[in-house]
PDB file of N, CA and C in Angstrom:
ATOM      1  N   UNK A   1      -4.662 -41.891  79.633  1.00  0.00           N
ATOM      2  CA  UNK A   1      -3.672 -42.671  78.830  1.00  0.00           C
ATOM      3  C   UNK A   1      -3.562 -42.720  77.474  1.00  0.00           C
ATOM      4  N   UNK A   2      -4.773 -42.061  76.858  1.00  0.00           N
ATOM      5  CA  UNK A   2      -4.474 -41.727  75.368  1.00  0.00           C
ATOM      6  C   UNK A   2      -3.590 -40.484  75.131  1.00  0.00           C
ATOM      7  N   UNK A   3      -3.466 -39.368  76.363  1.00  0.00           N
ATOM      8  CA  UNK A   3      -2.665 -38.224  75.941  1.00  0.00           C
ATOM      9  C   UNK A   3      -1.283 -38.305  76.449  1.00  0.00           C
ATOM     10  N   UNK A   4      -1.177 -39.158  77.378  1.00  0.00           N
ATOM     11  CA  UNK A   4       0.380 -39.446  77.916  1.00  0.00           C
ATOM     12  C   UNK A   4       0.426 -41.105  77.945  1.00  0.00           C
ATOM     13  N   UNK A   5       0.576 -41.707  76.744  1.00  0.00           N
ATOM     14  CA  UNK A   5       0.854 -43.253  76.788  1.00  0.00           C
ATOM     15  C   UNK A   5       2.187 -43.916  77.415  1.00  0.00           C
ATOM     16  N   UNK A   6       3.146 -43.036  77.684  1.00  0.00           N
ATOM     17  CA  UNK A   6       4.099 -43.422  78.418  1.00  0.00           C
ATOM     18  C   UNK A   6       4.408 -43.205  79.911  1.00  0.00           C
ATOM     19  N   UNK A   7       3.071 -42.953  80.563  1.00  0.00           N
ATOM     20  CA  UNK A   7       2.843 -43.114  81.767  1.00  0.00           C
ATOM     21  C   UNK A   7       2.833 -44.407  82.446  1.00  0.00           C
ATOM     22  N   UNK A   8       3.490 -44.892  83.535  1.00  0.00           N
ATOM     23  CA  UNK A   8       3.358 -46.064  84.160  1.00  0.00           C
ATOM     24  C   UNK A   8       2.351 -46.253  84.969  1.00  0.00           C
ATOM     25  N   UNK A   9       1.939 -47.741  85.645  1.00  0.00           N
ATOM     26  CA  UNK A   9       1.330 -47.774  86.469  1.00  0.00           C
ATOM     27  C   UNK A   9       1.664 -46.843  87.907  1.00  0.00           C
ATOM     28  N   UNK A  10       2.622 -47.049  88.025  1.00  0.00           N
ATOM     29  CA  UNK A  10       3.004 -46.410  89.491  1.00  0.00           C
ATOM     30  C   UNK A  10       2.710 -44.942  89.170  1.00  0.00           C
ATOM     31  N   UNK A  11       3.202 -44.618  88.060  1.00  0.00           N
ATOM     32  CA  UNK A  11       2.701 -42.816  87.745  1.00  0.00           C
ATOM     33  C   UNK A  11       1.296 -42.678  87.886  1.00  0.00           C
ATOM     34  N   UNK A  12       0.534 -43.503  87.649  1.00  0.00           N
ATOM     35  CA  UNK A  12      -0.832 -43.436  87.344  1.00  0.00           C
ATOM     36  C   UNK A  12      -1.370 -43.357  88.938  1.00  0.00           C
ATOM     37  N   UNK A  13      -0.883 -44.283  89.863  1.00  0.00           N
ATOM     38  CA  UNK A  13      -1.201 -44.331  91.170  1.00  0.00           C
ATOM     39  C   UNK A  13      -0.951 -42.974  91.916  1.00  0.00           C
ATOM     40  N   UNK A  14       0.503 -42.406  91.691  1.00  0.00           N
ATOM     41  CA  UNK A  14       0.885 -41.256  92.253  1.00  0.00           C
ATOM     42  C   UNK A  14      -0.193 -40.154  91.460  1.00  0.00           C
ATOM     43  N   UNK A  15      -0.636 -40.124  90.464  1.00  0.00           N
ATOM     44  CA  UNK A  15      -1.515 -39.161  89.810  1.00  0.00           C
ATOM     45  C   UNK A  15      -2.866 -39.035  90.549  1.00  0.00           C
ATOM     46  N   UNK A  16      -3.476 -40.322  90.780  1.00  0.00           N
ATOM     47  CA  UNK A  16      -4.509 -40.503  91.603  1.00  0.00           C
ATOM     48  C   UNK A  16      -4.531 -40.021  93.093  1.00  0.00           C
ATOM     49  N   UNK A  17      -3.404 -40.230  93.777  1.00  0.00           N
ATOM     50  CA  UNK A  17      -3.134 -39.660  94.993  1.00  0.00           C
ATOM     51  C   UNK A  17      -3.202 -38.144  94.895  1.00  0.00           C
ATOM     52  N   UNK A  18      -2.418 -37.596  94.044  1.00  0.00           N
ATOM     53  CA  UNK A  18      -2.157 -36.190  93.947  1.00  0.00           C
ATOM     54  C   UNK A  18      -3.735 -35.700  93.778  1.00  0.00           C
ATOM     55  N   UNK A  19      -4.560 -36.030  93.023  1.00  0.00           N
ATOM     56  CA  UNK A  19      -5.736 -35.747  92.434  1.00  0.00           C
ATOM     57  C   UNK A  19      -6.804 -35.801  93.944  1.00  0.00           C
ATOM     58  N   UNK A  20      -6.597 -36.653  94.700  1.00  0.00           N
ATOM     59  CA  UNK A  20      -7.311 -36.752  95.901  1.00  0.00           C
ATOM     60  C   UNK A  20      -7.109 -35.634  96.743  1.00  0.00           C
ATOM     61  N   UNK A  21      -5.784 -34.911  96.442  1.00  0.00           N
ATOM     62  CA  UNK A  21      -5.313 -33.840  97.191  1.00  0.00           C
ATOM     63  C   UNK A  21      -4.587 -34.472  98.739  1.00  0.00           C
ATOM     64  N   UNK A  22      -3.888 -35.414  98.666  1.00  0.00           N
ATOM     65  CA  UNK A  22      -3.239 -35.977  99.723  1.00  0.00           C
ATOM     66  C   UNK A  22      -1.983 -35.418  99.763  1.00  0.00           C
ATOM     67  N   UNK A  23      -1.407 -35.162 100.844  1.00  0.00           N
ATOM     68  CA  UNK A  23      -0.016 -34.741 101.000  1.00  0.00           C
ATOM     69  C   UNK A  23       1.156 -35.732 100.869  1.00  0.00           C
ATOM     70  N   UNK A  24       2.197 -35.145 100.974  1.00  0.00           N
ATOM     71  CA  UNK A  24       3.511 -36.338 100.996  1.00  0.00           C
ATOM     72  C   UNK A  24       3.491 -37.294 101.804  1.00  0.00           C
ATOM     73  N   UNK A  25       3.041 -36.983 102.783  1.00  0.00           N
ATOM     74  CA  UNK A  25       3.465 -37.914 103.918  1.00  0.00           C
ATOM     75  C   UNK A  25       2.387 -39.096 103.772  1.00  0.00           C
ATOM     76  N   UNK A  26       0.992 -38.663 103.521  1.00  0.00           N
ATOM     77  CA  UNK A  26       0.256 -39.482 103.037  1.00  0.00           C
ATOM     78  C   UNK A  26       0.345 -40.476 102.009  1.00  0.00           C
ATOM     79  N   UNK A  27       0.621 -39.628 101.044  1.00  0.00           N
ATOM     80  CA  UNK A  27       0.963 -40.670  99.829  1.00  0.00           C
ATOM     81  C   UNK A  27       2.421 -41.699 100.110  1.00  0.00           C
ATOM     82  N   UNK A  28       3.351 -41.122 100.999  1.00  0.00           N
ATOM     83  CA  UNK A  28       4.125 -42.128 101.274  1.00  0.00           C
ATOM     84  C   UNK A  28       3.848 -43.139 101.947  1.00  0.00           C
ATOM     85  N   UNK A  29       2.942 -43.035 102.821  1.00  0.00           N
ATOM     86  CA  UNK A  29       2.530 -44.171 103.499  1.00  0.00           C
ATOM     87  C   UNK A  29       1.576 -45.149 102.702  1.00  0.00           C
ATOM     88  N   UNK A  30       1.125 -44.537 101.994  1.00  0.00           N
ATOM     89  CA  UNK A  30       0.086 -45.381 100.839  1.00  0.00           C
ATOM     90  C   UNK A  30       0.983 -46.040 100.001  1.00  0.00           C
ATOM     91  N   UNK A  31       2.136 -45.579  99.366  1.00  0.00           N
ATOM     92  CA  UNK A  31       2.651 -46.268  98.614  1.00  0.00           C
ATOM     93  C   UNK A  31       4.058 -46.895  99.314  1.00  0.00           C
ATOM     94  N   UNK A  32       4.224 -46.877 100.577  1.00  0.00           N
ATOM     95  CA  UNK A  32       5.137 -47.622 101.452  1.00  0.00           C
ATOM     96  C   UNK A  32       6.431 -47.302 100.763  1.00  0.00           C
ATOM     97  N   UNK A  33       6.503 -45.840 100.742  1.00  0.00           N
ATOM     98  CA  UNK A  33       7.984 -45.346 100.312  1.00  0.00           C
ATOM     99  C   UNK A  33       8.414 -44.097 101.385  1.00  0.00           C
ATOM    100  N   UNK A  34       9.340 -43.581 101.232  1.00  0.00           N
ATOM    101  CA  UNK A  34       9.682 -42.481 102.154  1.00  0.00           C
ATOM    102  C   UNK A  34       9.008 -40.947 101.262  1.00  0.00           C
ATOM    103  N   UNK A  35       8.873 -40.150 102.302  1.00  0.00           N
ATOM    104  CA  UNK A  35       8.448 -38.706 101.743  1.00  0.00           C
ATOM    105  C   UNK A  35       9.583 -38.042 100.522  1.00  0.00           C
ATOM    106  N   UNK A  36      10.683 -38.234 100.638  1.00  0.00           N
ATOM    107  CA  UNK A  36      11.778 -37.794  99.924  1.00  0.00           C
ATOM    108  C   UNK A  36      11.634 -38.686  98.533  1.00  0.00           C
ATOM    109  N   UNK A  37      11.158 -39.828  98.544  1.00  0.00           N
ATOM    110  CA  UNK A  37      10.902 -40.806  97.180  1.00  0.00           C
ATOM    111  C   UNK A  37       9.828 -40.085  96.736  1.00  0.00           C
ATOM    112  N   UNK A  38       8.688 -39.780  97.313  1.00  0.00           N
ATOM    113  CA  UNK A  38       7.408 -39.184  96.553  1.00  0.00           C
ATOM    114  C   UNK A  38       7.956 -37.873  96.043  1.00  0.00           C
ATOM    115  N   UNK A  39       8.732 -36.980  96.470  1.00  0.00           N
ATOM    116  CA  UNK A  39       9.109 -35.706  96.001  1.00  0.00           C
ATOM    117  C   UNK A  39       9.691 -36.169  94.736  1.00  0.00           C
ATOM    118  N   UNK A  40      10.609 -36.918  94.939  1.00  0.00           N
ATOM    119  CA  UNK A  40      11.420 -37.404  93.467  1.00  0.00           C
ATOM    120  C   UNK A  40      10.661 -37.845  92.471  1.00  0.00           C
ATOM    121  N   UNK A  41       9.311 -38.500  92.842  1.00  0.00           N
ATOM    122  CA  UNK A  41       8.404 -39.306  91.911  1.00  0.00           C
ATOM    123  C   UNK A  41       7.764 -37.945  91.528  1.00  0.00           C
ATOM    124  N   UNK A  42       7.189 -37.197  92.222  1.00  0.00           N
ATOM    125  CA  UNK A  42       6.592 -35.949  91.854  1.00  0.00           C
ATOM    126  C   UNK A  42       7.495 -35.166  90.473  1.00  0.00           C
ATOM    127  N   UNK A  43       8.906 -34.982  90.814  1.00  0.00           N
ATOM    128  CA  UNK A  43       9.550 -34.453  89.950  1.00  0.00           C
ATOM    129  C   UNK A  43       9.673 -35.232  88.776  1.00  0.00           C
ATOM    130  N   UNK A  44      10.074 -36.589  88.824  1.00  0.00           N
ATOM    131  CA  UNK A  44      10.055 -37.263  87.247  1.00  0.00           C
ATOM    132  C   UNK A  44       8.728 -37.345  86.662  1.00  0.00           C
ATOM    133  N   UNK A  45       7.475 -37.193  87.408  1.00  0.00           N
ATOM    134  CA  UNK A  45       6.151 -37.022  87.039  1.00  0.00           C
ATOM    135  C   UNK A  45       5.906 -35.698  85.952  1.00  0.00           C
ATOM    136  N   UNK A  46       6.411 -34.530  86.499  1.00  0.00           N
ATOM    137  CA  UNK A  46       6.469 -33.556  85.867  1.00  0.00           C
ATOM    138  C   UNK A  46       7.319 -33.385  84.536  1.00  0.00           C
ATOM    139  N   UNK A  47       8.253 -34.094  84.637  1.00  0.00           N
ATOM    140  CA  UNK A  47       9.228 -34.088  83.485  1.00  0.00           C
ATOM    141  C   UNK A  47       8.453 -34.948  82.281  1.00  0.00           C
ATOM    142  N   UNK A  48       7.891 -36.112  83.042  1.00  0.00           N
ATOM    143  CA  UNK A  48       7.055 -36.829  81.807  1.00  0.00           C
ATOM    144  C   UNK A  48       5.815 -36.196  81.300  1.00  0.00           C
ATOM    145  N   UNK A  49       5.206 -35.221  82.072  1.00  0.00           N
ATOM    146  CA  UNK A  49       3.941 -34.644  81.845  1.00  0.00           C
ATOM    147  C   UNK A  49       4.433 -33.178  80.990  1.00  0.00           C
ATOM    148  N   UNK A  50       5.632 -32.973  80.666  1.00  0.00           N
ATOM    149  CA  UNK A  50       6.451 -31.458  80.542  1.00  0.00           C
ATOM    150  C   UNK A  50       5.685 -30.770  80.988  1.00  0.00           C
ATOM    151  N   UNK A  51       5.848 -30.277  82.482  1.00  0.00           N
ATOM    152  CA  UNK A  51       5.371 -28.908  83.066  1.00  0.00           C
ATOM    153  C   UNK A  51       6.405 -28.390  83.551  1.00  0.00           C
ATOM    154  N   UNK A  52       6.536 -27.274  83.883  1.00  0.00           N
ATOM    155  CA  UNK A  52       7.386 -26.389  84.510  1.00  0.00           C
ATOM    156  C   UNK A  52       7.576 -26.384  85.946  1.00  0.00           C
ATOM    157  N   UNK A  53       8.530 -26.030  86.624  1.00  0.00           N
ATOM    158  CA  UNK A  53       8.390 -25.946  88.195  1.00  0.00           C
ATOM    159  C   UNK A  53       7.121 -25.003  88.550  1.00  0.00           C
ATOM    160  N   UNK A  54       6.894 -24.141  87.816  1.00  0.00           N
ATOM    161  CA  UNK A  54       6.028 -23.001  87.973  1.00  0.00           C
ATOM    162  C   UNK A  54       4.338 -23.492  88.006  1.00  0.00           C
ATOM    163  N   UNK A  55       4.331 -24.674  87.284  1.00  0.00           N
ATOM    164  CA  UNK A  55       2.899 -25.177  86.785  1.00  0.00           C
ATOM    165  C   UNK A  55       2.362 -25.913  88.193  1.00  0.00           C
ATOM    166  N   UNK A  56       0.906 -25.899  88.502  1.00  0.00           N
ATOM    167  CA  UNK A  56       0.578 -26.724  89.461  1.00  0.00           C
ATOM    168  C   UNK A  56       0.297 -27.926  89.072  1.00  0.00           C
ATOM    169  N   UNK A  57       0.792 -28.999  89.631  1.00  0.00           N
ATOM    170  CA  UNK A  57       0.668 -30.142  89.278  1.00  0.00           C
ATOM    171  C   UNK A  57      -0.786 -30.637  89.465  1.00  0.00           C
ATOM    172  N   UNK A  58      -1.238 -30.549  90.701  1.00  0.00           N
ATOM    173  CA  UNK A  58      -2.704 -30.975  90.965  1.00  0.00           C
ATOM    174  C   UNK A  58      -3.768 -30.428  90.056  1.00  0.00           C
ATOM    175  N   UNK A  59      -3.573 -28.957  89.762  1.00  0.00           N
ATOM    176  CA  UNK A  59      -4.663 -28.367  89.076  1.00  0.00           C
ATOM    177  C   UNK A  59      -4.328 -28.998  87.567  1.00  0.00           C
ATOM    178  N   UNK A  60      -3.341 -29.386  86.964  1.00  0.00           N
ATOM    179  CA  UNK A  60      -3.021 -29.946  85.741  1.00  0.00           C
ATOM    180  C   UNK A  60      -3.820 -31.221  85.606  1.00  0.00           C
ATOM    181  N   UNK A  61      -3.674 -32.130  86.772  1.00  0.00           N
ATOM    182  CA  UNK A  61      -4.212 -33.308  86.693  1.00  0.00           C
ATOM    183  C   UNK A  61      -5.767 -33.120  86.979  1.00  0.00           C
ATOM    184  N   UNK A  62      -6.077 -32.434  87.667  1.00  0.00           N
ATOM    185  CA  UNK A  62      -7.595 -32.019  87.586  1.00  0.00           C
ATOM    186  C   UNK A  62      -8.481 -31.830  86.196  1.00  0.00           C
ATOM    187  N   UNK A  63      -7.695 -31.329  85.296  1.00  0.00           N
ATOM    188  CA  UNK A  63      -8.085 -30.610  83.933  1.00  0.00           C
ATOM    189  C   UNK A  63      -8.130 -31.722  83.147  1.00  0.00           C
ATOM    190  N   UNK A  64      -7.319 -32.928  83.446  1.00  0.00           N
ATOM    191  CA  UNK A  64      -7.293 -34.089  82.387  1.00  0.00           C
ATOM    192  C   UNK A  64      -8.435 -34.904  82.361  1.00  0.00           C
TER     193      UNK A  64
END
């Protein structure tokens, strides 16, 4: 939270699921949304974390 104070609770949940190495369908089931919505949420999270397309989101979250 200190590094990224603008992250919402929903973003934090998504980060936790990604860090647990869950795939898109599993995350969608836990969050009760469609897999397409998970992909959009990942994209928005990348923008908030200022990561490029080539950066590995899971690796970045594990280093925090």
